[in-house]
Amino acid sequence: GMLYWGWDIAGFSGEIPTPELYLRSMAAAAFVPIMQYHS
């Protein structure tokens, strides 16, 4: 029942994600209720 849900796109901790992981995550996040990146 949590309507407005999201996650830190491609993770927020450690070394930066690879371009592939970043874009795959960004593409998926476009289709979840909350689309957000954080570090």
PDB file of all heavy atoms in Angstrom:
ATOM      1  N   GLY A   1       0.767  -1.240   0.000  1.00  0.00           N
ATOM      2  CA  GLY A   1       0.000   0.000   0.000  1.00  0.00           C
ATOM      3  C   GLY A   1       0.796   1.287   0.000  1.00  0.00           C
ATOM      4  O   GLY A   1       0.203   2.360   0.124  1.00  0.00           O
ATOM      5  N   MET A   2       2.129   1.214  -0.152  1.00  0.00           N
ATOM      6  CA  MET A   2       2.937   2.429  -0.207  1.00  0.00           C
ATOM      7  C   MET A   2       2.872   2.983  -1.628  1.00  0.00           C
ATOM      8  O   MET A   2       3.493   2.451  -2.540  1.00  0.00           O
ATOM      9  CB  MET A   2       4.378   2.131   0.209  1.00  0.00           C
ATOM     10  CG  MET A   2       4.519   1.543   1.601  1.00  0.00           C
ATOM     11  SD  MET A   2       3.772   2.529   2.935  1.00  0.00           S
ATOM     12  CE  MET A   2       4.606   4.095   2.740  1.00  0.00           C
ATOM     13  N   LEU A   3       2.126   4.038  -1.817  1.00  0.00           N
ATOM     14  CA  LEU A   3       1.863   4.536  -3.163  1.00  0.00           C
ATOM     15  C   LEU A   3       3.076   5.226  -3.771  1.00  0.00           C
ATOM     16  O   LEU A   3       3.449   4.954  -4.914  1.00  0.00           O
ATOM     17  CB  LEU A   3       0.683   5.506  -3.133  1.00  0.00           C
ATOM     18  CG  LEU A   3       0.207   5.955  -4.516  1.00  0.00           C
ATOM     19  CD1 LEU A   3      -0.660   4.886  -5.148  1.00  0.00           C
ATOM     20  CD2 LEU A   3      -0.556   7.270  -4.434  1.00  0.00           C
ATOM     21  N   TYR A   4       3.692   6.142  -3.009  1.00  0.00           N
ATOM     22  CA  TYR A   4       4.805   6.946  -3.523  1.00  0.00           C
ATOM     23  C   TYR A   4       6.122   6.340  -3.045  1.00  0.00           C
ATOM     24  O   TYR A   4       6.607   6.637  -1.954  1.00  0.00           O
ATOM     25  CB  TYR A   4       4.670   8.394  -3.054  1.00  0.00           C
ATOM     26  CG  TYR A   4       3.493   9.127  -3.652  1.00  0.00           C
ATOM     27  CD1 TYR A   4       2.305   9.282  -2.927  1.00  0.00           C
ATOM     28  CD2 TYR A   4       3.558   9.649  -4.930  1.00  0.00           C
ATOM     29  CE1 TYR A   4       1.221   9.964  -3.472  1.00  0.00           C
ATOM     30  CE2 TYR A   4       2.465  10.331  -5.483  1.00  0.00           C
ATOM     31  CZ  TYR A   4       1.311  10.480  -4.748  1.00  0.00           C
ATOM     32  OH  TYR A   4       0.229  11.147  -5.292  1.00  0.00           O
ATOM     33  N   TRP A   5       6.698   5.488  -3.892  1.00  0.00           N
ATOM     34  CA  TRP A   5       7.924   4.765  -3.521  1.00  0.00           C
ATOM     35  C   TRP A   5       9.002   5.016  -4.569  1.00  0.00           C
ATOM     36  O   TRP A   5       8.728   5.125  -5.766  1.00  0.00           O
ATOM     37  CB  TRP A   5       7.658   3.262  -3.431  1.00  0.00           C
ATOM     38  CG  TRP A   5       8.902   2.456  -3.166  1.00  0.00           C
ATOM     39  CD1 TRP A   5       9.412   2.102  -1.955  1.00  0.00           C
ATOM     40  CD2 TRP A   5       9.819   1.936  -4.140  1.00  0.00           C
ATOM     41  NE1 TRP A   5      10.593   1.398  -2.106  1.00  0.00           N
ATOM     42  CE2 TRP A   5      10.860   1.281  -3.446  1.00  0.00           C
ATOM     43  CE3 TRP A   5       9.876   1.961  -5.543  1.00  0.00           C
ATOM     44  CZ2 TRP A   5      11.940   0.663  -4.100  1.00  0.00           C
ATOM     45  CZ3 TRP A   5      10.946   1.351  -6.191  1.00  0.00           C
ATOM     46  CH2 TRP A   5      11.957   0.707  -5.472  1.00  0.00           C
ATOM     47  N   GLY A   6      10.253   5.058  -4.111  1.00  0.00           N
ATOM     48  CA  GLY A   6      11.387   5.140  -5.027  1.00  0.00           C
ATOM     49  C   GLY A   6      12.648   4.662  -4.357  1.00  0.00           C
ATOM     50  O   GLY A   6      12.643   4.224  -3.199  1.00  0.00           O
ATOM     51  N   TRP A   7      13.756   4.728  -5.079  1.00  0.00           N
ATOM     52  CA  TRP A   7      15.047   4.330  -4.506  1.00  0.00           C
ATOM     53  C   TRP A   7      16.126   5.226  -5.081  1.00  0.00           C
ATOM     54  O   TRP A   7      15.881   5.997  -6.016  1.00  0.00           O
ATOM     55  CB  TRP A   7      15.321   2.849  -4.770  1.00  0.00           C
ATOM     56  CG  TRP A   7      16.034   2.494  -6.051  1.00  0.00           C
ATOM     57  CD1 TRP A   7      17.354   2.166  -6.180  1.00  0.00           C
ATOM     58  CD2 TRP A   7      15.492   2.426  -7.384  1.00  0.00           C
ATOM     59  NE1 TRP A   7      17.647   1.892  -7.498  1.00  0.00           N
ATOM     60  CE2 TRP A   7      16.529   2.038  -8.246  1.00  0.00           C
ATOM     61  CE3 TRP A   7      14.222   2.662  -7.923  1.00  0.00           C
ATOM     62  CZ2 TRP A   7      16.342   1.880  -9.631  1.00  0.00           C
ATOM     63  CZ3 TRP A   7      14.030   2.502  -9.294  1.00  0.00           C
ATOM     64  CH2 TRP A   7      15.071   2.115 -10.120  1.00  0.00           C
ATOM     65  N   ASP A   8      17.317   5.189  -4.513  1.00  0.00           N
ATOM     66  CA  ASP A   8      18.444   5.973  -5.013  1.00  0.00           C
ATOM     67  C   ASP A   8      18.914   5.340  -6.323  1.00  0.00           C
ATOM     68  O   ASP A   8      19.487   4.244  -6.322  1.00  0.00           O
ATOM     69  CB  ASP A   8      19.591   5.982  -4.005  1.00  0.00           C
ATOM     70  CG  ASP A   8      19.236   6.698  -2.707  1.00  0.00           C
ATOM     71  OD1 ASP A   8      18.331   7.544  -2.727  1.00  0.00           O
ATOM     72  OD2 ASP A   8      19.875   6.406  -1.684  1.00  0.00           O
ATOM     73  N   ILE A   9      18.673   6.011  -7.423  1.00  0.00           N
ATOM     74  CA  ILE A   9      18.976   5.455  -8.735  1.00  0.00           C
ATOM     75  C   ILE A   9      20.428   4.982  -8.795  1.00  0.00           C
ATOM     76  O   ILE A   9      21.356   5.748  -8.520  1.00  0.00           O
ATOM     77  CB  ILE A   9      18.710   6.501  -9.831  1.00  0.00           C
ATOM     78  CG1 ILE A   9      17.206   6.780  -9.931  1.00  0.00           C
ATOM     79  CG2 ILE A   9      19.265   6.046 -11.177  1.00  0.00           C
ATOM     80  CD1 ILE A   9      16.864   7.950 -10.828  1.00  0.00           C
ATOM     81  N   ALA A  10      20.604   3.701  -9.099  1.00  0.00           N
ATOM     82  CA  ALA A  10      21.925   3.077  -9.235  1.00  0.00           C
ATOM     83  C   ALA A  10      22.724   3.085  -7.938  1.00  0.00           C
ATOM     84  O   ALA A  10      23.934   2.890  -7.949  1.00  0.00           O
ATOM     85  CB  ALA A  10      22.732   3.733 -10.355  1.00  0.00           C
ATOM     86  N   GLY A  11      22.055   3.277  -6.798  1.00  0.00           N
ATOM     87  CA  GLY A  11      22.737   3.257  -5.502  1.00  0.00           C
ATOM     88  C   GLY A  11      23.380   4.588  -5.179  1.00  0.00           C
ATOM     89  O   GLY A  11      23.665   5.405  -6.058  1.00  0.00           O
ATOM     90  N   PHE A  12      23.637   4.816  -3.884  1.00  0.00           N
ATOM     91  CA  PHE A  12      24.182   6.119  -3.479  1.00  0.00           C
ATOM     92  C   PHE A  12      25.556   6.018  -2.831  1.00  0.00           C
ATOM     93  O   PHE A  12      26.198   7.028  -2.569  1.00  0.00           O
ATOM     94  CB  PHE A  12      23.196   6.814  -2.531  1.00  0.00           C
ATOM     95  CG  PHE A  12      23.472   6.659  -1.048  1.00  0.00           C
ATOM     96  CD1 PHE A  12      23.559   7.765  -0.230  1.00  0.00           C
ATOM     97  CD2 PHE A  12      23.657   5.411  -0.463  1.00  0.00           C
ATOM     98  CE1 PHE A  12      23.801   7.648   1.136  1.00  0.00           C
ATOM     99  CE2 PHE A  12      23.897   5.283   0.885  1.00  0.00           C
ATOM    100  CZ  PHE A  12      23.974   6.407   1.697  1.00  0.00           C
ATOM    101  N   SER A  13      26.051   4.793  -2.580  1.00  0.00           N
ATOM    102  CA  SER A  13      27.242   4.630  -1.750  1.00  0.00           C
ATOM    103  C   SER A  13      28.367   3.957  -2.521  1.00  0.00           C
ATOM    104  O   SER A  13      28.139   3.115  -3.391  1.00  0.00           O
ATOM    105  CB  SER A  13      26.901   3.783  -0.517  1.00  0.00           C
ATOM    106  OG  SER A  13      28.022   3.651   0.332  1.00  0.00           O
ATOM    107  N   GLY A  14      29.590   4.331  -2.143  1.00  0.00           N
ATOM    108  CA  GLY A  14      30.764   3.704  -2.738  1.00  0.00           C
ATOM    109  C   GLY A  14      31.137   4.356  -4.053  1.00  0.00           C
ATOM    110  O   GLY A  14      30.720   5.471  -4.382  1.00  0.00           O
ATOM    111  N   GLU A  15      31.945   3.652  -4.826  1.00  0.00           N
ATOM    112  CA  GLU A  15      32.368   4.154  -6.125  1.00  0.00           C
ATOM    113  C   GLU A  15      31.152   4.328  -7.025  1.00  0.00           C
ATOM    114  O   GLU A  15      30.136   3.660  -6.868  1.00  0.00           O
ATOM    115  CB  GLU A  15      33.370   3.184  -6.757  1.00  0.00           C
ATOM    116  CG  GLU A  15      34.041   3.692  -8.027  1.00  0.00           C
ATOM    117  CD  GLU A  15      34.581   5.109  -7.911  1.00  0.00           C
ATOM    118  OE1 GLU A  15      35.702   5.280  -7.413  1.00  0.00           O
ATOM    119  OE2 GLU A  15      33.850   6.044  -8.318  1.00  0.00           O
ATOM    120  N   ILE A  16      31.271   5.255  -7.956  1.00  0.00           N
ATOM    121  CA  ILE A  16      30.138   5.541  -8.834  1.00  0.00           C
ATOM    122  C   ILE A  16      29.770   4.310  -9.654  1.00  0.00           C
ATOM    123  O   ILE A  16      30.589   3.441  -9.908  1.00  0.00           O
ATOM    124  CB  ILE A  16      30.443   6.728  -9.770  1.00  0.00           C
ATOM    125  CG1 ILE A  16      31.644   6.409 -10.661  1.00  0.00           C
ATOM    126  CG2 ILE A  16      30.649   8.001  -8.975  1.00  0.00           C
ATOM    127  CD1 ILE A  16      31.836   7.407 -11.784  1.00  0.00           C
ATOM    128  N   PRO A  17      28.510   4.234 -10.078  1.00  0.00           N
ATOM    129  CA  PRO A  17      28.104   3.111 -10.919  1.00  0.00           C
ATOM    130  C   PRO A  17      28.708   3.209 -12.315  1.00  0.00           C
ATOM    131  O   PRO A  17      29.097   4.291 -12.772  1.00  0.00           O
ATOM    132  CB  PRO A  17      26.582   3.259 -10.972  1.00  0.00           C
ATOM    133  CG  PRO A  17      26.330   4.708 -10.748  1.00  0.00           C
ATOM    134  CD  PRO A  17      27.399   5.156  -9.792  1.00  0.00           C
ATOM    135  N   THR A  18      28.756   2.080 -12.978  1.00  0.00           N
ATOM    136  CA  THR A  18      29.167   2.086 -14.379  1.00  0.00           C
ATOM    137  C   THR A  18      28.102   2.783 -15.213  1.00  0.00           C
ATOM    138  O   THR A  18      26.938   2.888 -14.794  1.00  0.00           O
ATOM    139  CB  THR A  18      29.334   0.657 -14.898  1.00  0.00           C
ATOM    140  OG1 THR A  18      28.054  -0.003 -14.870  1.00  0.00           O
ATOM    141  CG2 THR A  18      30.333  -0.132 -14.053  1.00  0.00           C
ATOM    142  N   PRO A  19      28.466   3.266 -16.404  1.00  0.00           N
ATOM    143  CA  PRO A  19      27.437   3.864 -17.261  1.00  0.00           C
ATOM    144  C   PRO A  19      26.278   2.910 -17.532  1.00  0.00           C
ATOM    145  O   PRO A  19      25.116   3.335 -17.572  1.00  0.00           O
ATOM    146  CB  PRO A  19      28.200   4.205 -18.539  1.00  0.00           C
ATOM    147  CG  PRO A  19      29.618   4.367 -18.115  1.00  0.00           C
ATOM    148  CD  PRO A  19      29.815   3.375 -17.002  1.00  0.00           C
ATOM    149  N   GLU A  20      26.569   1.630 -17.709  1.00  0.00           N
ATOM    150  CA  GLU A  20      25.507   0.674 -17.979  1.00  0.00           C
ATOM    151  C   GLU A  20      24.539   0.572 -16.806  1.00  0.00           C
ATOM    152  O   GLU A  20      23.313   0.651 -16.986  1.00  0.00           O
ATOM    153  CB  GLU A  20      26.090  -0.701 -18.297  1.00  0.00           C
ATOM    154  CG  GLU A  20      25.025  -1.738 -18.613  1.00  0.00           C
ATOM    155  CD  GLU A  20      25.594  -3.132 -18.799  1.00  0.00           C
ATOM    156  OE1 GLU A  20      26.802  -3.344 -18.531  1.00  0.00           O
ATOM    157  OE2 GLU A  20      24.815  -4.032 -19.186  1.00  0.00           O
ATOM    158  N   LEU A  21      25.059   0.397 -15.586  1.00  0.00           N
ATOM    159  CA  LEU A  21      24.189   0.298 -14.418  1.00  0.00           C
ATOM    160  C   LEU A  21      23.414   1.595 -14.215  1.00  0.00           C
ATOM    161  O   LEU A  21      22.216   1.582 -13.900  1.00  0.00           O
ATOM    162  CB  LEU A  21      25.018  -0.032 -13.172  1.00  0.00           C
ATOM    163  CG  LEU A  21      24.261  -0.038 -11.840  1.00  0.00           C
ATOM    164  CD1 LEU A  21      23.106  -1.025 -11.863  1.00  0.00           C
ATOM    165  CD2 LEU A  21      25.224  -0.367 -10.686  1.00  0.00           C
ATOM    166  N   TYR A  22      24.085   2.724 -14.411  1.00  0.00           N
ATOM    167  CA  TYR A  22      23.435   4.021 -14.211  1.00  0.00           C
ATOM    168  C   TYR A  22      22.256   4.192 -15.169  1.00  0.00           C
ATOM    169  O   TYR A  22      21.148   4.579 -14.761  1.00  0.00           O
ATOM    170  CB  TYR A  22      24.460   5.132 -14.424  1.00  0.00           C
ATOM    171  CG  TYR A  22      23.984   6.511 -14.034  1.00  0.00           C
ATOM    172  CD1 TYR A  22      23.851   6.878 -12.700  1.00  0.00           C
ATOM    173  CD2 TYR A  22      23.690   7.464 -15.010  1.00  0.00           C
ATOM    174  CE1 TYR A  22      23.429   8.156 -12.336  1.00  0.00           C
ATOM    175  CE2 TYR A  22      23.279   8.741 -14.666  1.00  0.00           C
ATOM    176  CZ  TYR A  22      23.145   9.088 -13.324  1.00  0.00           C
ATOM    177  OH  TYR A  22      22.734  10.354 -12.976  1.00  0.00           O
ATOM    178  N   LEU A  23      22.477   3.885 -16.439  1.00  0.00           N
ATOM    179  CA  LEU A  23      21.414   4.093 -17.420  1.00  0.00           C
ATOM    180  C   LEU A  23      20.319   3.047 -17.303  1.00  0.00           C
ATOM    181  O   LEU A  23      19.133   3.365 -17.484  1.00  0.00           O
ATOM    182  CB  LEU A  23      22.005   4.115 -18.826  1.00  0.00           C
ATOM    183  CG  LEU A  23      22.895   5.332 -19.128  1.00  0.00           C
ATOM    184  CD1 LEU A  23      23.453   5.255 -20.545  1.00  0.00           C
ATOM    185  CD2 LEU A  23      22.137   6.641 -18.928  1.00  0.00           C
ATOM    186  N   ARG A  24      20.664   1.797 -17.009  1.00  0.00           N
ATOM    187  CA  ARG A  24      19.620   0.792 -16.789  1.00  0.00           C
ATOM    188  C   ARG A  24      18.751   1.189 -15.589  1.00  0.00           C
ATOM    189  O   ARG A  24      17.523   1.041 -15.624  1.00  0.00           O
ATOM    190  CB  ARG A  24      20.248  -0.572 -16.541  1.00  0.00           C
ATOM    191  CG  ARG A  24      20.910  -1.222 -17.744  1.00  0.00           C
ATOM    192  CD  ARG A  24      19.902  -1.696 -18.757  1.00  0.00           C
ATOM    193  NE  ARG A  24      20.498  -2.537 -19.771  1.00  0.00           N
ATOM    194  CZ  ARG A  24      20.099  -2.595 -21.031  1.00  0.00           C
ATOM    195  NH1 ARG A  24      19.075  -1.847 -21.441  1.00  0.00           N
ATOM    196  NH2 ARG A  24      20.694  -3.396 -21.897  1.00  0.00           N
ATOM    197  N   SER A  25      19.370   1.682 -14.535  1.00  0.00           N
ATOM    198  CA  SER A  25      18.611   2.102 -13.357  1.00  0.00           C
ATOM    199  C   SER A  25      17.767   3.328 -13.663  1.00  0.00           C
ATOM    200  O   SER A  25      16.601   3.425 -13.249  1.00  0.00           O
ATOM    201  CB  SER A  25      19.557   2.399 -12.191  1.00  0.00           C
ATOM    202  OG  SER A  25      20.293   1.263 -11.826  1.00  0.00           O
ATOM    203  N   MET A  26      18.349   4.286 -14.391  1.00  0.00           N
ATOM    204  CA  MET A  26      17.604   5.491 -14.756  1.00  0.00           C
ATOM    205  C   MET A  26      16.398   5.133 -15.611  1.00  0.00           C
ATOM    206  O   MET A  26      15.286   5.667 -15.412  1.00  0.00           O
ATOM    207  CB  MET A  26      18.523   6.452 -15.511  1.00  0.00           C
ATOM    208  CG  MET A  26      17.936   7.815 -15.786  1.00  0.00           C
ATOM    209  SD  MET A  26      17.778   8.881 -14.314  1.00  0.00           S
ATOM    210  CE  MET A  26      19.504   9.239 -13.932  1.00  0.00           C
ATOM    211  N   ALA A  27      16.583   4.190 -16.538  1.00  0.00           N
ATOM    212  CA  ALA A  27      15.485   3.780 -17.410  1.00  0.00           C
ATOM    213  C   ALA A  27      14.361   3.127 -16.618  1.00  0.00           C
ATOM    214  O   ALA A  27      13.170   3.352 -16.891  1.00  0.00           O
ATOM    215  CB  ALA A  27      16.012   2.821 -18.478  1.00  0.00           C
ATOM    216  N   ALA A  28      14.716   2.305 -15.619  1.00  0.00           N
ATOM    217  CA  ALA A  28      13.693   1.679 -14.778  1.00  0.00           C
ATOM    218  C   ALA A  28      13.020   2.706 -13.878  1.00  0.00           C
ATOM    219  O   ALA A  28      11.793   2.683 -13.684  1.00  0.00           O
ATOM    220  CB  ALA A  28      14.315   0.567 -13.943  1.00  0.00           C
ATOM    221  N   ALA A  29      13.810   3.640 -13.333  1.00  0.00           N
ATOM    222  CA  ALA A  29      13.272   4.629 -12.393  1.00  0.00           C
ATOM    223  C   ALA A  29      12.271   5.565 -13.058  1.00  0.00           C
ATOM    224  O   ALA A  29      11.420   6.149 -12.381  1.00  0.00           O
ATOM    225  CB  ALA A  29      14.406   5.434 -11.776  1.00  0.00           C
ATOM    226  N   ALA A  30      12.343   5.705 -14.368  1.00  0.00           N
ATOM    227  CA  ALA A  30      11.367   6.536 -15.066  1.00  0.00           C
ATOM    228  C   ALA A  30       9.959   5.972 -14.935  1.00  0.00           C
ATOM    229  O   ALA A  30       8.978   6.684 -15.182  1.00  0.00           O
ATOM    230  CB  ALA A  30      11.747   6.655 -16.539  1.00  0.00           C
ATOM    231  N   PHE A  31       9.870   4.703 -14.515  1.00  0.00           N
ATOM    232  CA  PHE A  31       8.577   4.032 -14.426  1.00  0.00           C
ATOM    233  C   PHE A  31       8.295   3.516 -13.019  1.00  0.00           C
ATOM    234  O   PHE A  31       7.667   2.486 -12.841  1.00  0.00           O
ATOM    235  CB  PHE A  31       8.512   2.906 -15.462  1.00  0.00           C
ATOM    236  CG  PHE A  31       8.617   3.415 -16.866  1.00  0.00           C
ATOM    237  CD1 PHE A  31       9.836   3.413 -17.523  1.00  0.00           C
ATOM    238  CD2 PHE A  31       7.511   3.946 -17.507  1.00  0.00           C
ATOM    239  CE1 PHE A  31       9.951   3.907 -18.810  1.00  0.00           C
ATOM    240  CE2 PHE A  31       7.609   4.442 -18.801  1.00  0.00           C
ATOM    241  CZ  PHE A  31       8.839   4.423 -19.458  1.00  0.00           C
ATOM    242  N   VAL A  32       8.777   4.252 -12.014  1.00  0.00           N
ATOM    243  CA  VAL A  32       8.350   4.031 -10.636  1.00  0.00           C
ATOM    244  C   VAL A  32       7.813   5.367 -10.113  1.00  0.00           C
ATOM    245  O   VAL A  32       8.086   6.422 -10.693  1.00  0.00           O
ATOM    246  CB  VAL A  32       9.493   3.499  -9.734  1.00  0.00           C
ATOM    247  CG1 VAL A  32      10.076   2.220 -10.301  1.00  0.00           C
ATOM    248  CG2 VAL A  32      10.572   4.534  -9.525  1.00  0.00           C
ATOM    249  N   PRO A  33       7.042   5.358  -9.047  1.00  0.00           N
ATOM    250  CA  PRO A  33       6.401   6.609  -8.609  1.00  0.00           C
ATOM    251  C   PRO A  33       7.364   7.740  -8.263  1.00  0.00           C
ATOM    252  O   PRO A  33       7.106   8.897  -8.594  1.00  0.00           O
ATOM    253  CB  PRO A  33       5.591   6.163  -7.388  1.00  0.00           C
ATOM    254  CG  PRO A  33       5.272   4.719  -7.669  1.00  0.00           C
ATOM    255  CD  PRO A  33       6.493   4.182  -8.341  1.00  0.00           C
ATOM    256  N   ILE A  34       8.464   7.444  -7.563  1.00  0.00           N
ATOM    257  CA  ILE A  34       9.446   8.464  -7.197  1.00  0.00           C
ATOM    258  C   ILE A  34      10.736   8.184  -7.962  1.00  0.00           C
ATOM    259  O   ILE A  34      11.329   7.110  -7.833  1.00  0.00           O
ATOM    260  CB  ILE A  34       9.728   8.464  -5.683  1.00  0.00           C
ATOM    261  CG1 ILE A  34       8.451   8.768  -4.887  1.00  0.00           C
ATOM    262  CG2 ILE A  34      10.831   9.470  -5.345  1.00  0.00           C
ATOM    263  CD1 ILE A  34       7.912  10.170  -5.052  1.00  0.00           C
ATOM    264  N   MET A  35      11.173   9.142  -8.755  1.00  0.00           N
ATOM    265  CA  MET A  35      12.394   9.024  -9.567  1.00  0.00           C
ATOM    266  C   MET A  35      13.428   9.973  -8.983  1.00  0.00           C
ATOM    267  O   MET A  35      13.312  11.187  -9.130  1.00  0.00           O
ATOM    268  CB  MET A  35      12.084   9.384 -11.019  1.00  0.00           C
ATOM    269  CG  MET A  35      13.247   9.249 -11.974  1.00  0.00           C
ATOM    270  SD  MET A  35      12.803   9.856 -13.631  1.00  0.00           S
ATOM    271  CE  MET A  35      14.240   9.332 -14.564  1.00  0.00           C
ATOM    272  N   GLN A  36      14.445   9.427  -8.303  1.00  0.00           N
ATOM    273  CA  GLN A  36      15.398  10.325  -7.639  1.00  0.00           C
ATOM    274  C   GLN A  36      16.790   9.727  -7.584  1.00  0.00           C
ATOM    275  O   GLN A  36      16.976   8.522  -7.434  1.00  0.00           O
ATOM    276  CB  GLN A  36      14.917  10.675  -6.227  1.00  0.00           C
ATOM    277  CG  GLN A  36      14.874   9.519  -5.247  1.00  0.00           C
ATOM    278  CD  GLN A  36      15.983   9.559  -4.199  1.00  0.00           C
ATOM    279  OE1 GLN A  36      16.536  10.609  -3.896  1.00  0.00           O
ATOM    280  NE2 GLN A  36      16.309   8.402  -3.643  1.00  0.00           N
ATOM    281  N   TYR A  37      17.786  10.623  -7.743  1.00  0.00           N
ATOM    282  CA  TYR A  37      19.176  10.203  -7.549  1.00  0.00           C
ATOM    283  C   TYR A  37      19.743  10.905  -6.320  1.00  0.00           C
ATOM    284  O   TYR A  37      19.315  11.994  -5.937  1.00  0.00           O
ATOM    285  CB  TYR A  37      20.034  10.464  -8.793  1.00  0.00           C
ATOM    286  CG  TYR A  37      20.314  11.924  -9.125  1.00  0.00           C
ATOM    287  CD1 TYR A  37      21.289  12.657  -8.441  1.00  0.00           C
ATOM    288  CD2 TYR A  37      19.636  12.568 -10.159  1.00  0.00           C
ATOM    289  CE1 TYR A  37      21.560  13.972  -8.746  1.00  0.00           C
ATOM    290  CE2 TYR A  37      19.897  13.892 -10.483  1.00  0.00           C
ATOM    291  CZ  TYR A  37      20.864  14.590  -9.773  1.00  0.00           C
ATOM    292  OH  TYR A  37      21.132  15.909 -10.071  1.00  0.00           O
ATOM    293  N   HIS A  38      20.731  10.266  -5.708  1.00  0.00           N
ATOM    294  CA  HIS A  38      21.314  10.786  -4.464  1.00  0.00           C
ATOM    295  C   HIS A  38      22.696  10.170  -4.304  1.00  0.00           C
ATOM    296  O   HIS A  38      22.982   9.092  -4.840  1.00  0.00           O
ATOM    297  CB  HIS A  38      20.424  10.420  -3.276  1.00  0.00           C
ATOM    298  CG  HIS A  38      20.943  10.884  -1.950  1.00  0.00           C
ATOM    299  ND1 HIS A  38      21.327  12.184  -1.713  1.00  0.00           N
ATOM    300  CD2 HIS A  38      21.145  10.222  -0.781  1.00  0.00           C
ATOM    301  CE1 HIS A  38      21.738  12.307  -0.463  1.00  0.00           C
ATOM    302  NE2 HIS A  38      21.638  11.134   0.123  1.00  0.00           N
ATOM    303  N   SER A  39      23.568  10.839  -3.566  1.00  0.00           N
ATOM    304  CA  SER A  39      24.912  10.305  -3.319  1.00  0.00           C
ATOM    305  C   SER A  39      25.337  10.564  -1.891  1.00  0.00           C
ATOM    306  O   SER A  39      24.929  11.546  -1.260  1.00  0.00           O
ATOM    307  CB  SER A  39      25.924  10.928  -4.282  1.00  0.00           C
ATOM    308  OG  SER A  39      25.889  12.345  -4.210  1.00  0.00           O
TER     309      SER A  39
END
